[in-house]
PDB file of N, CA and C in Angstrom:
ATOM      1  N   GLY A   1      31.716  -8.719 -40.479  1.00  0.00           N
ATOM      2  CA  GLY A   1      31.198  -7.556 -41.175  1.00  0.00           C
ATOM      3  C   GLY A   1      29.803  -7.206 -40.682  1.00  0.00           C
ATOM      4  N   SER A   2      29.357  -6.050 -41.050  1.00  0.00           N
ATOM      5  CA  SER A   2      28.024  -5.624 -40.634  1.00  0.00           C
ATOM      6  C   SER A   2      27.246  -5.145 -41.853  1.00  0.00           C
ATOM      7  N   PHE A   3      25.957  -5.026 -41.668  1.00  0.00           N
ATOM      8  CA  PHE A   3      25.099  -4.535 -42.744  1.00  0.00           C
ATOM      9  C   PHE A   3      25.371  -3.051 -42.960  1.00  0.00           C
ATOM     10  N   PRO A   4      25.084  -2.552 -44.166  1.00  0.00           N
ATOM     11  CA  PRO A   4      25.188  -1.102 -44.377  1.00  0.00           C
ATOM     12  C   PRO A   4      24.253  -0.377 -43.400  1.00  0.00           C
ATOM     13  N   ALA A   5      24.674   0.779 -42.928  1.00  0.00           N
ATOM     14  CA  ALA A   5      23.893   1.553 -41.959  1.00  0.00           C
ATOM     15  C   ALA A   5      22.459   1.733 -42.439  1.00  0.00           C
ATOM     16  N   GLY A   6      21.506   1.467 -41.578  1.00  0.00           N
ATOM     17  CA  GLY A   6      20.102   1.694 -41.903  1.00  0.00           C
ATOM     18  C   GLY A   6      19.454   0.605 -42.744  1.00  0.00           C
ATOM     19  N   PHE A   7      20.175  -0.482 -43.057  1.00  0.00           N
ATOM     20  CA  PHE A   7      19.588  -1.555 -43.865  1.00  0.00           C
ATOM     21  C   PHE A   7      18.628  -2.360 -43.003  1.00  0.00           C
ATOM     22  N   LYS A   8      17.347  -2.300 -43.354  1.00  0.00           N
ATOM     23  CA  LYS A   8      16.322  -3.051 -42.612  1.00  0.00           C
ATOM     24  C   LYS A   8      15.739  -4.104 -43.545  1.00  0.00           C
ATOM     25  N   ILE A   9      15.753  -5.346 -43.111  1.00  0.00           N
ATOM     26  CA  ILE A   9      15.276  -6.440 -43.958  1.00  0.00           C
ATOM     27  C   ILE A   9      13.755  -6.414 -44.041  1.00  0.00           C
ATOM     28  N   LYS A  10      13.238  -6.265 -45.283  1.00  0.00           N
ATOM     29  CA  LYS A  10      11.796  -6.261 -45.515  1.00  0.00           C
ATOM     30  C   LYS A  10      11.333  -7.591 -46.119  1.00  0.00           C
ATOM     31  N   ARG A  11      12.262  -8.307 -46.775  1.00  0.00           N
ATOM     32  CA  ARG A  11      11.949  -9.630 -47.310  1.00  0.00           C
ATOM     33  C   ARG A  11      13.254 -10.341 -47.624  1.00  0.00           C
ATOM     34  N   PHE A  12      13.152 -11.648 -47.791  1.00  0.00           N
ATOM     35  CA  PHE A  12      14.317 -12.416 -48.216  1.00  0.00           C
ATOM     36  C   PHE A  12      13.840 -13.607 -49.026  1.00  0.00           C
ATOM     37  N   PHE A  13      14.721 -14.154 -49.826  1.00  0.00           N
ATOM     38  CA  PHE A  13      14.386 -15.344 -50.604  1.00  0.00           C
ATOM     39  C   PHE A  13      15.661 -16.123 -50.897  1.00  0.00           C
ATOM     40  N   ILE A  14      15.484 -17.394 -51.217  1.00  0.00           N
ATOM     41  CA  ILE A  14      16.603 -18.270 -51.559  1.00  0.00           C
ATOM     42  C   ILE A  14      16.528 -18.598 -53.040  1.00  0.00           C
ATOM     43  N   LEU A  15      17.663 -18.500 -53.721  1.00  0.00           N
ATOM     44  CA  LEU A  15      17.760 -18.895 -55.129  1.00  0.00           C
ATOM     45  C   LEU A  15      18.582 -20.169 -55.197  1.00  0.00           C
ATOM     46  N   TYR A  16      18.087 -21.132 -55.961  1.00  0.00           N
ATOM     47  CA  TYR A  16      18.818 -22.372 -56.185  1.00  0.00           C
ATOM     48  C   TYR A  16      19.362 -22.370 -57.601  1.00  0.00           C
ATOM     49  N   GLY A  17      20.561 -22.896 -57.765  1.00  0.00           N
ATOM     50  CA  GLY A  17      21.249 -22.856 -59.042  1.00  0.00           C
ATOM     51  C   GLY A  17      20.648 -23.753 -60.097  1.00  0.00           C
ATOM     52  N   LYS A  18      20.784 -23.321 -61.307  1.00  0.00           N
ATOM     53  CA  LYS A  18      20.508 -24.139 -62.482  1.00  0.00           C
ATOM     54  C   LYS A  18      21.717 -23.935 -63.373  1.00  0.00           C
ATOM     55  N   LYS A  19      22.538 -24.977 -63.487  1.00  0.00           N
ATOM     56  CA  LYS A  19      23.739 -24.910 -64.314  1.00  0.00           C
ATOM     57  C   LYS A  19      23.348 -24.451 -65.718  1.00  0.00           C
ATOM     58  N   LYS A  20      24.119 -23.592 -66.298  1.00  0.00           N
ATOM     59  CA  LYS A  20      23.913 -23.067 -67.656  1.00  0.00           C
ATOM     60  C   LYS A  20      22.755 -22.071 -67.762  1.00  0.00           C
ATOM     61  N   LEU A  21      22.045 -21.813 -66.664  1.00  0.00           N
ATOM     62  CA  LEU A  21      20.979 -20.796 -66.679  1.00  0.00           C
ATOM     63  C   LEU A  21      21.397 -19.669 -65.749  1.00  0.00           C
ATOM     64  N   PHE A  22      21.216 -18.426 -66.180  1.00  0.00           N
ATOM     65  CA  PHE A  22      21.517 -17.321 -65.281  1.00  0.00           C
ATOM     66  C   PHE A  22      20.225 -16.826 -64.646  1.00  0.00           C
ATOM     67  N   ARG A  23      20.370 -16.113 -63.529  1.00  0.00           N
ATOM     68  CA  ARG A  23      19.215 -15.565 -62.821  1.00  0.00           C
ATOM     69  C   ARG A  23      19.379 -14.058 -62.694  1.00  0.00           C
ATOM     70  N   ALA A  24      18.344 -13.424 -62.180  1.00  0.00           N
ATOM     71  CA  ALA A  24      18.285 -11.964 -61.980  1.00  0.00           C
ATOM     72  C   ALA A  24      18.221 -11.274 -63.341  1.00  0.00           C
ATOM     73  N   ASP A  25      19.306 -10.691 -63.815  1.00  0.00           N
ATOM     74  CA  ASP A  25      19.349  -9.965 -65.080  1.00  0.00           C
ATOM     75  C   ASP A  25      18.373  -8.779 -65.054  1.00  0.00           C
ATOM     76  N   HIS A  26      18.507  -7.974 -64.010  1.00  0.00           N
ATOM     77  CA  HIS A  26      17.696  -6.769 -63.851  1.00  0.00           C
ATOM     78  C   HIS A  26      18.380  -5.830 -62.849  1.00  0.00           C
ATOM     79  N   ALA A  27      17.796  -4.674 -62.663  1.00  0.00           N
ATOM     80  CA  ALA A  27      18.245  -3.718 -61.648  1.00  0.00           C
ATOM     81  C   ALA A  27      17.015  -3.313 -60.839  1.00  0.00           C
ATOM     82  N   HIS A  28      17.258  -2.637 -59.728  1.00  0.00           N
ATOM     83  CA  HIS A  28      16.166  -2.158 -58.883  1.00  0.00           C
ATOM     84  C   HIS A  28      16.270  -0.646 -58.719  1.00  0.00           C
ATOM     85  N   SER A  29      15.122   0.013 -58.656  1.00  0.00           N
ATOM     86  CA  SER A  29      15.121   1.457 -58.440  1.00  0.00           C
ATOM     87  C   SER A  29      14.940   1.818 -56.964  1.00  0.00           C
ATOM     88  N   LYS A  30      14.361   0.906 -56.161  1.00  0.00           N
ATOM     89  CA  LYS A  30      14.118   1.211 -54.743  1.00  0.00           C
ATOM     90  C   LYS A  30      14.702   0.189 -53.775  1.00  0.00           C
ATOM     91  N   CYS A  31      15.060  -0.979 -54.271  1.00  0.00           N
ATOM     92  CA  CYS A  31      15.484  -2.084 -53.411  1.00  0.00           C
ATOM     93  C   CYS A  31      16.996  -2.294 -53.469  1.00  0.00           C
ATOM     94  N   SER A  32      17.641  -2.231 -52.309  1.00  0.00           N
ATOM     95  CA  SER A  32      19.039  -2.648 -52.200  1.00  0.00           C
ATOM     96  C   SER A  32      19.031  -4.076 -51.663  1.00  0.00           C
ATOM     97  N   GLN A  33      20.092  -4.822 -51.946  1.00  0.00           N
ATOM     98  CA  GLN A  33      20.121  -6.229 -51.569  1.00  0.00           C
ATOM     99  C   GLN A  33      21.466  -6.619 -50.972  1.00  0.00           C
ATOM    100  N   ILE A  34      21.419  -7.621 -50.127  1.00  0.00           N
ATOM    101  CA  ILE A  34      22.631  -8.267 -49.635  1.00  0.00           C
ATOM    102  C   ILE A  34      22.527  -9.726 -50.050  1.00  0.00           C
ATOM    103  N   ILE A  35      23.534 -10.191 -50.789  1.00  0.00           N
ATOM    104  CA  ILE A  35      23.531 -11.560 -51.302  1.00  0.00           C
ATOM    105  C   ILE A  35      24.540 -12.380 -50.505  1.00  0.00           C
ATOM    106  N   ILE A  36      24.067 -13.490 -49.956  1.00  0.00           N
ATOM    107  CA  ILE A  36      24.909 -14.354 -49.127  1.00  0.00           C
ATOM    108  C   ILE A  36      24.928 -15.749 -49.740  1.00  0.00           C
ATOM    109  N   PRO A  37      26.108 -16.254 -50.111  1.00  0.00           N
ATOM    110  CA  PRO A  37      26.185 -17.595 -50.693  1.00  0.00           C
ATOM    111  C   PRO A  37      25.914 -18.654 -49.620  1.00  0.00           C
ATOM    112  N   LEU A  38      25.126 -19.668 -49.968  1.00  0.00           N
ATOM    113  CA  LEU A  38      24.824 -20.754 -49.029  1.00  0.00           C
ATOM    114  C   LEU A  38      25.571 -22.033 -49.397  1.00  0.00           C
ATOM    115  N   ALA A  39      25.650 -22.329 -50.702  1.00  0.00           N
ATOM    116  CA  ALA A  39      26.313 -23.554 -51.150  1.00  0.00           C
ATOM    117  C   ALA A  39      26.883 -23.361 -52.543  1.00  0.00           C
ATOM    118  N   GLY A  40      28.027 -23.962 -52.795  1.00  0.00           N
ATOM    119  CA  GLY A  40      28.608 -23.978 -54.132  1.00  0.00           C
ATOM    120  C   GLY A  40      29.367 -22.717 -54.488  1.00  0.00           C
ATOM    121  N   ARG A  41      29.510 -22.513 -55.792  1.00  0.00           N
ATOM    122  CA  ARG A  41      30.239 -21.348 -56.319  1.00  0.00           C
ATOM    123  C   ARG A  41      29.295 -20.528 -57.191  1.00  0.00           C
ATOM    124  N   ILE A  42      29.264 -19.240 -56.907  1.00  0.00           N
ATOM    125  CA  ILE A  42      28.336 -18.352 -57.588  1.00  0.00           C
ATOM    126  C   ILE A  42      29.111 -17.174 -58.165  1.00  0.00           C
ATOM    127  N   LYS A  43      28.841 -16.863 -59.416  1.00  0.00           N
ATOM    128  CA  LYS A  43      29.486 -15.726 -60.082  1.00  0.00           C
ATOM    129  C   LYS A  43      28.410 -14.664 -60.278  1.00  0.00           C
ATOM    130  N   ILE A  44      28.702 -13.447 -59.836  1.00  0.00           N
ATOM    131  CA  ILE A  44      27.734 -12.365 -59.941  1.00  0.00           C
ATOM    132  C   ILE A  44      28.355 -11.213 -60.721  1.00  0.00           C
ATOM    133  N   LYS A  45      27.690 -10.859 -61.830  1.00  0.00           N
ATOM    134  CA  LYS A  45      28.164  -9.732 -62.646  1.00  0.00           C
ATOM    135  C   LYS A  45      27.330  -8.511 -62.293  1.00  0.00           C
ATOM    136  N   ILE A  46      28.032  -7.429 -61.975  1.00  0.00           N
ATOM    137  CA  ILE A  46      27.372  -6.170 -61.628  1.00  0.00           C
ATOM    138  C   ILE A  46      27.804  -5.110 -62.642  1.00  0.00           C
ATOM    139  N   ILE A  47      26.821  -4.404 -63.180  1.00  0.00           N
ATOM    140  CA  ILE A  47      27.104  -3.264 -64.056  1.00  0.00           C
ATOM    141  C   ILE A  47      26.465  -2.043 -63.407  1.00  0.00           C
ATOM    142  N   SER A  48      27.289  -1.041 -63.135  1.00  0.00           N
ATOM    143  CA  SER A  48      26.764   0.200 -62.557  1.00  0.00           C
ATOM    144  C   SER A  48      27.120   1.345 -63.492  1.00  0.00           C
ATOM    145  N   LYS A  49      26.800   2.537 -63.068  1.00  0.00           N
ATOM    146  CA  LYS A  49      27.121   3.718 -63.872  1.00  0.00           C
ATOM    147  C   LYS A  49      28.629   3.831 -64.091  1.00  0.00           C
ATOM    148  N   ASN A  50      29.412   3.452 -63.068  1.00  0.00           N
ATOM    149  CA  ASN A  50      30.860   3.677 -63.102  1.00  0.00           C
ATOM    150  C   ASN A  50      31.732   2.451 -63.344  1.00  0.00           C
ATOM    151  N   PHE A  51      31.189   1.267 -63.246  1.00  0.00           N
ATOM    152  CA  PHE A  51      32.037   0.087 -63.401  1.00  0.00           C
ATOM    153  C   PHE A  51      31.257  -1.151 -63.821  1.00  0.00           C
ATOM    154  N   LYS A  52      32.031  -2.138 -64.255  1.00  0.00           N
ATOM    155  CA  LYS A  52      31.495  -3.469 -64.545  1.00  0.00           C
ATOM    156  C   LYS A  52      32.430  -4.428 -63.826  1.00  0.00           C
ATOM    157  N   LYS A  53      31.879  -5.313 -62.994  1.00  0.00           N
ATOM    158  CA  LYS A  53      32.739  -6.181 -62.193  1.00  0.00           C
ATOM    159  C   LYS A  53      32.092  -7.544 -61.989  1.00  0.00           C
ATOM    160  N   ILE A  54      32.938  -8.563 -61.888  1.00  0.00           N
ATOM    161  CA  ILE A  54      32.450  -9.914 -61.589  1.00  0.00           C
ATOM    162  C   ILE A  54      32.942 -10.305 -60.210  1.00  0.00           C
ATOM    163  N   TYR A  55      32.023 -10.774 -59.380  1.00  0.00           N
ATOM    164  CA  TYR A  55      32.344 -11.234 -58.033  1.00  0.00           C
ATOM    165  C   TYR A  55      32.154 -12.742 -57.985  1.00  0.00           C
ATOM    166  N   ASN A  56      33.093 -13.446 -57.375  1.00  0.00           N
ATOM    167  CA  ASN A  56      32.971 -14.889 -57.174  1.00  0.00           C
ATOM    168  C   ASN A  56      32.699 -15.127 -55.701  1.00  0.00           C
ATOM    169  N   LEU A  57      31.540 -15.731 -55.416  1.00  0.00           N
ATOM    170  CA  LEU A  57      31.151 -15.975 -54.028  1.00  0.00           C
ATOM    171  C   LEU A  57      31.045 -17.465 -53.755  1.00  0.00           C
ATOM    172  N   SER A  58      31.391 -17.845 -52.549  1.00  0.00           N
ATOM    173  CA  SER A  58      31.135 -19.195 -52.062  1.00  0.00           C
ATOM    174  C   SER A  58      31.034 -19.081 -50.544  1.00  0.00           C
ATOM    175  N   PRO A  59      30.395 -20.058 -49.893  1.00  0.00           N
ATOM    176  CA  PRO A  59      30.271 -19.982 -48.430  1.00  0.00           C
ATOM    177  C   PRO A  59      31.643 -19.942 -47.744  1.00  0.00           C
ATOM    178  N   TYR A  60      32.650 -20.510 -48.391  1.00  0.00           N
ATOM    179  CA  TYR A  60      33.989 -20.583 -47.788  1.00  0.00           C
ATOM    180  C   TYR A  60      34.671 -19.224 -47.745  1.00  0.00           C
ATOM    181  N   SER A  61      34.270 -18.317 -48.618  1.00  0.00           N
ATOM    182  CA  SER A  61      34.881 -16.986 -48.630  1.00  0.00           C
ATOM    183  C   SER A  61      34.401 -16.152 -47.437  1.00  0.00           C
ATOM    184  N   LYS A  62      33.300 -16.594 -46.810  1.00  0.00           N
ATOM    185  CA  LYS A  62      32.714 -15.878 -45.665  1.00  0.00           C
ATOM    186  C   LYS A  62      32.444 -14.410 -46.004  1.00  0.00           C
ATOM    187  N   LYS A  63      32.068 -14.165 -47.262  1.00  0.00           N
ATOM    188  CA  LYS A  63      31.765 -12.805 -47.699  1.00  0.00           C
ATOM    189  C   LYS A  63      30.350 -12.745 -48.262  1.00  0.00           C
ATOM    190  N   ALA A  64      29.755 -11.574 -48.131  1.00  0.00           N
ATOM    191  CA  ALA A  64      28.452 -11.306 -48.733  1.00  0.00           C
ATOM    192  C   ALA A  64      28.661 -10.152 -49.705  1.00  0.00           C
ATOM    193  N   LEU A  65      27.676  -9.929 -50.571  1.00  0.00           N
ATOM    194  CA  LEU A  65      27.782  -8.855 -51.554  1.00  0.00           C
ATOM    195  C   LEU A  65      26.615  -7.895 -51.362  1.00  0.00           C
ATOM    196  N   PHE A  66      26.923  -6.619 -51.176  1.00  0.00           N
ATOM    197  CA  PHE A  66      25.898  -5.579 -51.068  1.00  0.00           C
ATOM    198  C   PHE A  66      25.671  -5.003 -52.465  1.00  0.00           C
ATOM    199  N   VAL A  67      24.425  -4.994 -52.902  1.00  0.00           N
ATOM    200  CA  VAL A  67      24.075  -4.473 -54.224  1.00  0.00           C
ATOM    201  C   VAL A  67      23.099  -3.307 -54.043  1.00  0.00           C
ATOM    202  N   PRO A  68      23.592  -2.074 -54.190  1.00  0.00           N
ATOM    203  CA  PRO A  68      22.697  -0.916 -54.055  1.00  0.00           C
ATOM    204  C   PRO A  68      21.747  -0.791 -55.246  1.00  0.00           C
ATOM    205  N   THR A  69      20.823   0.133 -55.162  1.00  0.00           N
ATOM    206  CA  THR A  69      19.906   0.395 -56.274  1.00  0.00           C
ATOM    207  C   THR A  69      20.695   0.821 -57.514  1.00  0.00           C
ATOM    208  N   TYR A  70      20.062   0.703 -58.662  1.00  0.00           N
ATOM    209  CA  TYR A  70      20.631   1.096 -59.955  1.00  0.00           C
ATOM    210  C   TYR A  70      21.944   0.386 -60.274  1.00  0.00           C
ATOM    211  N   ASN A  71      22.003  -0.912 -59.936  1.00  0.00           N
ATOM    212  CA  ASN A  71      23.096  -1.775 -60.344  1.00  0.00           C
ATOM    213  C   ASN A  71      22.467  -2.953 -61.064  1.00  0.00           C
ATOM    214  N   TRP A  72      22.891  -3.191 -62.300  1.00  0.00           N
ATOM    215  CA  TRP A  72      22.374  -4.317 -63.083  1.00  0.00           C
ATOM    216  C   TRP A  72      23.080  -5.572 -62.588  1.00  0.00           C
ATOM    217  N   ILE A  73      22.302  -6.589 -62.231  1.00  0.00           N
ATOM    218  CA  ILE A  73      22.884  -7.800 -61.654  1.00  0.00           C
ATOM    219  C   ILE A  73      22.490  -9.036 -62.456  1.00  0.00           C
ATOM    220  N   THR A  74      23.475  -9.884 -62.715  1.00  0.00           N
ATOM    221  CA  THR A  74      23.246 -11.174 -63.358  1.00  0.00           C
ATOM    222  C   THR A  74      23.975 -12.219 -62.526  1.00  0.00           C
ATOM    223  N   ILE A  75      23.277 -13.316 -62.206  1.00  0.00           N
ATOM    224  CA  ILE A  75      23.827 -14.354 -61.321  1.00  0.00           C
ATOM    225  C   ILE A  75      23.994 -15.657 -62.098  1.00  0.00           C
ATOM    226  N   TYR A  76      25.187 -16.237 -61.979  1.00  0.00           N
ATOM    227  CA  TYR A  76      25.498 -17.515 -62.637  1.00  0.00           C
ATOM    228  C   TYR A  76      25.874 -18.544 -61.572  1.00  0.00           C
ATOM    229  N   PHE A  77      25.324 -19.742 -61.688  1.00  0.00           N
ATOM    230  CA  PHE A  77      25.634 -20.823 -60.755  1.00  0.00           C
ATOM    231  C   PHE A  77      26.512 -21.860 -61.447  1.00  0.00           C
ATOM    232  N   GLU A  78      27.498 -22.380 -60.728  1.00  0.00           N
ATOM    233  CA  GLU A  78      28.379 -23.386 -61.303  1.00  0.00           C
ATOM    234  C   GLU A  78      27.700 -24.758 -61.368  1.00  0.00           C
ATOM    235  N   ASN A  79      26.890 -25.068 -60.365  1.00  0.00           N
ATOM    236  CA  ASN A  79      26.230 -26.381 -60.309  1.00  0.00           C
ATOM    237  C   ASN A  79      24.762 -26.248 -59.925  1.00  0.00           C
ATOM    238  N   ASN A  80      24.014 -27.325 -60.159  1.00  0.00           N
ATOM    239  CA  ASN A  80      22.577 -27.307 -59.865  1.00  0.00           C
ATOM    240  C   ASN A  80      22.257 -27.187 -58.380  1.00  0.00           C
ATOM    241  N   ASN A  81      23.175 -27.583 -57.496  1.00  0.00           N
ATOM    242  CA  ASN A  81      22.859 -27.506 -56.063  1.00  0.00           C
ATOM    243  C   ASN A  81      23.456 -26.270 -55.392  1.00  0.00           C
ATOM    244  N   ASP A  82      23.956 -25.320 -56.175  1.00  0.00           N
ATOM    245  CA  ASP A  82      24.446 -24.060 -55.612  1.00  0.00           C
ATOM    246  C   ASP A  82      23.245 -23.218 -55.171  1.00  0.00           C
ATOM    247  N   SER A  83      23.430 -22.449 -54.106  1.00  0.00           N
ATOM    248  CA  SER A  83      22.310 -21.625 -53.641  1.00  0.00           C
ATOM    249  C   SER A  83      22.816 -20.376 -52.919  1.00  0.00           C
ATOM    250  N   LEU A  84      21.922 -19.403 -52.821  1.00  0.00           N
ATOM    251  CA  LEU A  84      22.221 -18.161 -52.114  1.00  0.00           C
ATOM    252  C   LEU A  84      20.945 -17.638 -51.479  1.00  0.00           C
ATOM    253  N   VAL A  85      21.125 -16.773 -50.492  1.00  0.00           N
ATOM    254  CA  VAL A  85      19.981 -16.081 -49.912  1.00  0.00           C
ATOM    255  C   VAL A  85      20.158 -14.597 -50.217  1.00  0.00           C
ATOM    256  N   THR A  86      19.057 -13.940 -50.574  1.00  0.00           N
ATOM    257  CA  THR A  86      19.066 -12.509 -50.849  1.00  0.00           C
ATOM    258  C   THR A  86      18.210 -11.799 -49.813  1.00  0.00           C
ATOM    259  N   LEU A  87      18.804 -10.828 -49.147  1.00  0.00           N
ATOM    260  CA  LEU A  87      18.089  -9.996 -48.180  1.00  0.00           C
ATOM    261  C   LEU A  87      17.769  -8.673 -48.862  1.00  0.00           C
ATOM    262  N   CYS A  88      16.536  -8.220 -48.731  1.00  0.00           N
ATOM    263  CA  CYS A  88      16.077  -7.000 -49.406  1.00  0.00           C
ATOM    264  C   CYS A  88      15.584  -5.980 -48.392  1.00  0.00           C
ATOM    265  N   ASN A  89      15.843  -4.708 -48.666  1.00  0.00           N
ATOM    266  CA  ASN A  89      15.358  -3.656 -47.769  1.00  0.00           C
ATOM    267  C   ASN A  89      14.097  -2.980 -48.306  1.00  0.00           C
ATOM    268  N   TYR A  90      13.435  -3.651 -49.250  1.00  0.00           N
ATOM    269  CA  TYR A  90      12.207  -3.102 -49.830  1.00  0.00           C
ATOM    270  C   TYR A  90      11.269  -4.267 -50.115  1.00  0.00           C
ATOM    271  N   LYS A  91       9.982  -4.054 -49.879  1.00  0.00           N
ATOM    272  CA  LYS A  91       9.005  -5.114 -50.143  1.00  0.00           C
ATOM    273  C   LYS A  91       8.970  -5.451 -51.637  1.00  0.00           C
ATOM    274  N   TYR A  92       8.442  -6.610 -51.982  1.00  0.00           N
ATOM    275  CA  TYR A  92       8.355  -6.980 -53.396  1.00  0.00           C
ATOM    276  C   TYR A  92       7.399  -6.033 -54.116  1.00  0.00           C
ATOM    277  N   ASP A  93       7.872  -5.446 -55.202  1.00  0.00           N
ATOM    278  CA  ASP A  93       7.056  -4.554 -56.019  1.00  0.00           C
ATOM    279  C   ASP A  93       7.612  -4.604 -57.444  1.00  0.00           C
ATOM    280  N   LYS A  94       6.901  -5.290 -58.310  1.00  0.00           N
ATOM    281  CA  LYS A  94       7.365  -5.477 -59.689  1.00  0.00           C
ATOM    282  C   LYS A  94       7.634  -4.138 -60.384  1.00  0.00           C
ATOM    283  N   LYS A  95       6.930  -3.085 -59.965  1.00  0.00           N
ATOM    284  CA  LYS A  95       7.076  -1.773 -60.611  1.00  0.00           C
ATOM    285  C   LYS A  95       8.447  -1.137 -60.380  1.00  0.00           C
ATOM    286  N   GLU A  96       9.165  -1.567 -59.335  1.00  0.00           N
ATOM    287  CA  GLU A  96      10.465  -0.946 -59.087  1.00  0.00           C
ATOM    288  C   GLU A  96      11.611  -1.711 -59.764  1.00  0.00           C
ATOM    289  N   TYR A  97      11.286  -2.823 -60.427  1.00  0.00           N
ATOM    290  CA  TYR A  97      12.289  -3.565 -61.198  1.00  0.00           C
ATOM    291  C   TYR A  97      12.584  -2.828 -62.503  1.00  0.00           C
ATOM    292  N   ILE A  98      13.837  -2.828 -62.912  1.00  0.00           N
ATOM    293  CA  ILE A  98      14.215  -2.327 -64.232  1.00  0.00           C
ATOM    294  C   ILE A  98      14.653  -3.569 -65.005  1.00  0.00           C
ATOM    295  N   SER A  99      13.808  -4.027 -65.914  1.00  0.00           N
ATOM    296  CA  SER A  99      14.046  -5.310 -66.591  1.00  0.00           C
ATOM    297  C   SER A  99      14.641  -5.166 -67.989  1.00  0.00           C
ATOM    298  N   SER A 100      14.646  -3.963 -68.513  1.00  0.00           N
ATOM    299  CA  SER A 100      15.205  -3.727 -69.845  1.00  0.00           C
ATOM    300  C   SER A 100      16.591  -3.110 -69.695  1.00  0.00           C
ATOM    301  N   PHE A 101      17.613  -3.784 -70.236  1.00  0.00           N
ATOM    302  CA  PHE A 101      18.980  -3.265 -70.140  1.00  0.00           C
ATOM    303  C   PHE A 101      19.092  -1.921 -70.860  1.00  0.00           C
ATOM    304  N   LYS A 102      18.381  -1.789 -71.959  1.00  0.00           N
ATOM    305  CA  LYS A 102      18.382  -0.539 -72.721  1.00  0.00           C
ATOM    306  C   LYS A 102      17.848   0.613 -71.850  1.00  0.00           C
ATOM    307  N   GLU A 103      16.754   0.348 -71.150  1.00  0.00           N
ATOM    308  CA  GLU A 103      16.159   1.333 -70.240  1.00  0.00           C
ATOM    309  C   GLU A 103      17.138   1.657 -69.102  1.00  0.00           C
ATOM    310  N   PHE A 104      17.770   0.625 -68.553  1.00  0.00           N
ATOM    311  CA  PHE A 104      18.749   0.789 -67.474  1.00  0.00           C
ATOM    312  C   PHE A 104      19.889   1.716 -67.920  1.00  0.00           C
ATOM    313  N   LYS A 105      20.427   1.476 -69.119  1.00  0.00           N
ATOM    314  CA  LYS A 105      21.526   2.293 -69.642  1.00  0.00           C
ATOM    315  C   LYS A 105      21.086   3.754 -69.782  1.00  0.00           C
ATOM    316  N   LYS A 106      19.838   3.961 -70.221  1.00  0.00           N
ATOM    317  CA  LYS A 106      19.300   5.317 -70.364  1.00  0.00           C
ATOM    318  C   LYS A 106      19.210   6.014 -69.005  1.00  0.00           C
ATOM    319  N   ILE A 107      18.721   5.295 -67.991  1.00  0.00           N
ATOM    320  CA  ILE A 107      18.558   5.855 -66.650  1.00  0.00           C
ATOM    321  C   ILE A 107      19.915   6.243 -66.043  1.00  0.00           C
ATOM    322  N   ILE A 108      20.895   5.351 -66.136  1.00  0.00           N
ATOM    323  CA  ILE A 108      22.189   5.637 -65.474  1.00  0.00           C
ATOM    324  C   ILE A 108      23.037   6.646 -66.245  1.00  0.00           C
ATOM    325  N   SER A 109      22.676   6.927 -67.480  1.00  0.00           N
ATOM    326  CA  SER A 109      23.469   7.906 -68.243  1.00  0.00           C
ATOM    327  C   SER A 109      22.985   9.335 -68.000  1.00  0.00           C
ATOM    328  N   ARG A 110      21.907   9.492 -67.232  1.00  0.00           N
ATOM    329  CA  ARG A 110      21.381  10.843 -66.941  1.00  0.00           C
ATOM    330  C   ARG A 110      22.305  11.618 -66.029  1.00  0.00           C
TER     331      ARG A 110
END
């Protein structure tokens, strides 16, 4: 597979799993992401304007997940040693995060 056209990596980071703890739980207004599983089993819930879907990722699936802007993402790890790398096409900027689900619902209903 290839990256979406025009996707330029501006930053990346690795997330390590914590069993029973979820990560992310926000959306982005300017940053799209590509999530690549490194180890273990990872469940990713995406809520967008048009759908709600759960993706199951593992390194064995040889798949990555593209998450465009204005998609609410929540990440669940099966075990403590599960990990993923996230590639971002926008520099880190706390102001472009949408951290309130209520606010997110208001934005996508416009």
